[in-house]
Protein backbone atom coordinates (compact mmCIF):
# COMPACT_ATOMS: atom_id res chain seq x y z
CA MET A 1 18.10 -33.84 -74.48
CA SER A 2 15.67 -34.96 -77.19
CA GLU A 3 14.97 -38.26 -74.46
CA SER A 4 13.44 -35.32 -72.48
CA LYS A 5 11.31 -33.54 -74.47
CA ASP A 6 9.47 -36.55 -75.99
CA LEU A 7 9.39 -37.57 -72.14
CA LEU A 8 7.88 -33.72 -72.11
CA ALA A 9 5.88 -34.45 -75.02
CA ILE A 10 4.11 -37.92 -73.65
CA ARG A 11 3.56 -35.82 -70.75
CA LYS A 12 1.80 -33.20 -72.14
CA ASP A 13 -0.46 -35.85 -73.78
CA LEU A 14 -1.23 -37.55 -71.06
CA LEU A 15 -2.19 -34.32 -69.03
CA VAL A 16 -4.49 -34.05 -72.33
CA ALA A 17 -6.24 -36.66 -72.41
CA GLN A 18 -6.67 -37.37 -68.70
CA SER A 19 -8.46 -33.01 -68.62
CA SER A 20 -10.58 -34.57 -71.64
CA LEU A 21 -11.78 -36.90 -69.68
CA TYR A 22 -12.39 -35.42 -66.21
CA ARG A 23 -13.82 -32.91 -68.42
CA LEU A 24 -16.69 -35.53 -69.84
CA LYS A 25 -16.88 -37.73 -66.67
CA VAL A 26 -17.88 -33.40 -65.10
CA VAL A 27 -20.74 -33.34 -67.50
CA ARG A 28 -21.87 -36.36 -67.25
CA ASP A 29 -22.42 -36.02 -63.64
CA ALA A 30 -23.97 -32.52 -63.84
CA ALA A 31 -26.26 -34.27 -67.22
CA ARG A 32 -27.31 -37.06 -64.34
CA VAL A 33 -27.82 -34.78 -61.25
CA ARG A 34 -30.02 -32.39 -63.98
CA GLU A 35 -32.45 -35.62 -64.79
CA SER A 36 -32.75 -36.52 -61.10
CA LEU A 37 -34.25 -33.05 -60.14
CA SER A 38 -36.77 -33.01 -62.40
CA LEU A 39 -40.12 -31.83 -61.47
CA GLY A 40 -41.75 -35.05 -61.82
CA HIS A 41 -38.82 -37.05 -60.01
CA VAL A 42 -39.71 -33.77 -56.42
CA SER A 43 -43.23 -33.95 -57.41
CA SER A 44 -43.37 -38.27 -56.97
CA ALA A 45 -41.16 -37.23 -54.55
CA ILE A 46 -43.22 -35.09 -52.32
CA ALA A 47 -46.50 -37.05 -53.08
CA GLY A 48 -44.45 -40.06 -51.71
CA SER A 49 -44.25 -38.25 -48.22
CA SER A 50 -47.21 -37.16 -45.91
CA THR A 51 -45.15 -33.99 -44.40
CA ALA A 52 -43.99 -33.15 -48.02
CA ARG A 53 -47.48 -33.38 -48.61
CA GLU A 54 -48.60 -31.27 -45.63
CA VAL A 55 -46.32 -28.48 -46.18
CA ALA A 56 -47.02 -28.16 -49.74
CA LEU A 57 -50.84 -27.77 -48.71
CA GLY A 58 -49.76 -25.16 -46.27
CA LEU A 59 -47.77 -23.65 -48.70
CA LEU A 60 -50.50 -23.29 -51.24
CA LEU A 61 -52.83 -22.23 -48.49
CA THR A 62 -50.61 -19.35 -47.92
CA GLY A 63 -51.63 -17.64 -51.09
CA LEU A 64 -55.89 -17.17 -50.31
CA GLY A 65 -56.56 -13.90 -51.37
CA SER A 66 -57.73 -11.22 -48.34
CA GLY A 67 -60.93 -12.22 -47.18
CA ARG A 68 -61.57 -13.00 -43.27
CA VAL A 69 -61.85 -16.55 -44.10
CA SER A 70 -58.88 -16.49 -46.43
CA ARG A 71 -57.01 -14.85 -43.11
CA LEU A 72 -57.38 -17.57 -40.47
CA PHE A 73 -56.68 -20.55 -43.58
CA ARG A 74 -53.21 -18.25 -43.91
CA LEU A 75 -52.97 -18.11 -40.04
CA ALA A 76 -53.38 -22.40 -39.50
CA SER A 77 -51.49 -23.43 -42.61
CA ARG A 78 -48.58 -21.13 -41.72
CA THR A 79 -48.76 -22.26 -38.14
CA LEU A 80 -49.17 -26.41 -39.35
CA VAL A 81 -46.14 -25.54 -42.10
CA VAL A 82 -44.05 -24.47 -39.10
CA ALA A 83 -44.79 -26.97 -36.23
CA ARG A 84 -44.07 -29.71 -39.10
CA LEU A 85 -41.20 -28.32 -39.98
CA ALA A 86 -40.14 -28.03 -36.35
CA LEU A 87 -40.89 -31.84 -36.20
CA ALA A 88 -39.12 -32.81 -38.79
CA ALA A 89 -36.24 -30.92 -37.51
CA PHE A 90 -36.30 -33.03 -34.31
CA GLY A 91 -36.65 -36.52 -35.73
CA MET A 92 -33.74 -35.34 -37.76
CA LEU A 93 -31.93 -34.60 -34.96
CA ARG A 94 -33.02 -38.15 -33.26
CA ALA A 95 -31.67 -40.44 -36.18
CA GLN A 96 -28.55 -39.71 -35.90
CA PRO A 97 -26.24 -41.90 -34.67
CA LYS A 98 -24.66 -41.91 -31.52
CA PRO A 99 -21.53 -42.40 -31.07
CA PRO A 100 -20.37 -45.51 -29.16
CA PRO A 101 -19.86 -45.75 -25.59
CA GLU A 102 -16.35 -46.32 -24.13
CA PRO A 103 -14.32 -49.32 -23.69
CA GLN A 104 -14.28 -49.92 -19.73
CA PRO A 105 -11.07 -50.59 -18.48
CA PRO A 106 -11.47 -54.45 -17.20
CA PRO A 107 -11.87 -54.67 -13.13
CA SER A 108 -8.80 -55.80 -11.69
CA THR A 109 -9.66 -58.91 -9.05
């Protein structure tokens, strides 16, 4: 009876240690994600992508004042943003890999 209690105690200690290890891994991975999503990384990624630069410029232009020229800029920038987003979406759809063709049976002679 004492052997089974010892085994249960050892198993409990092992489970507690594994739980602590997994908790530490989750904290480490969350810190890595937080570091990769910093403002500096995001802004450098936007600066490196021409499409993202144009979308950011379009979003910036949508915040202009209420004058006649600014309304024209807002309309043009919104149109540009929608067009760029549509082009990016179509580009991603085209870039998806096609399934391999099914093998053809050998011709019978």
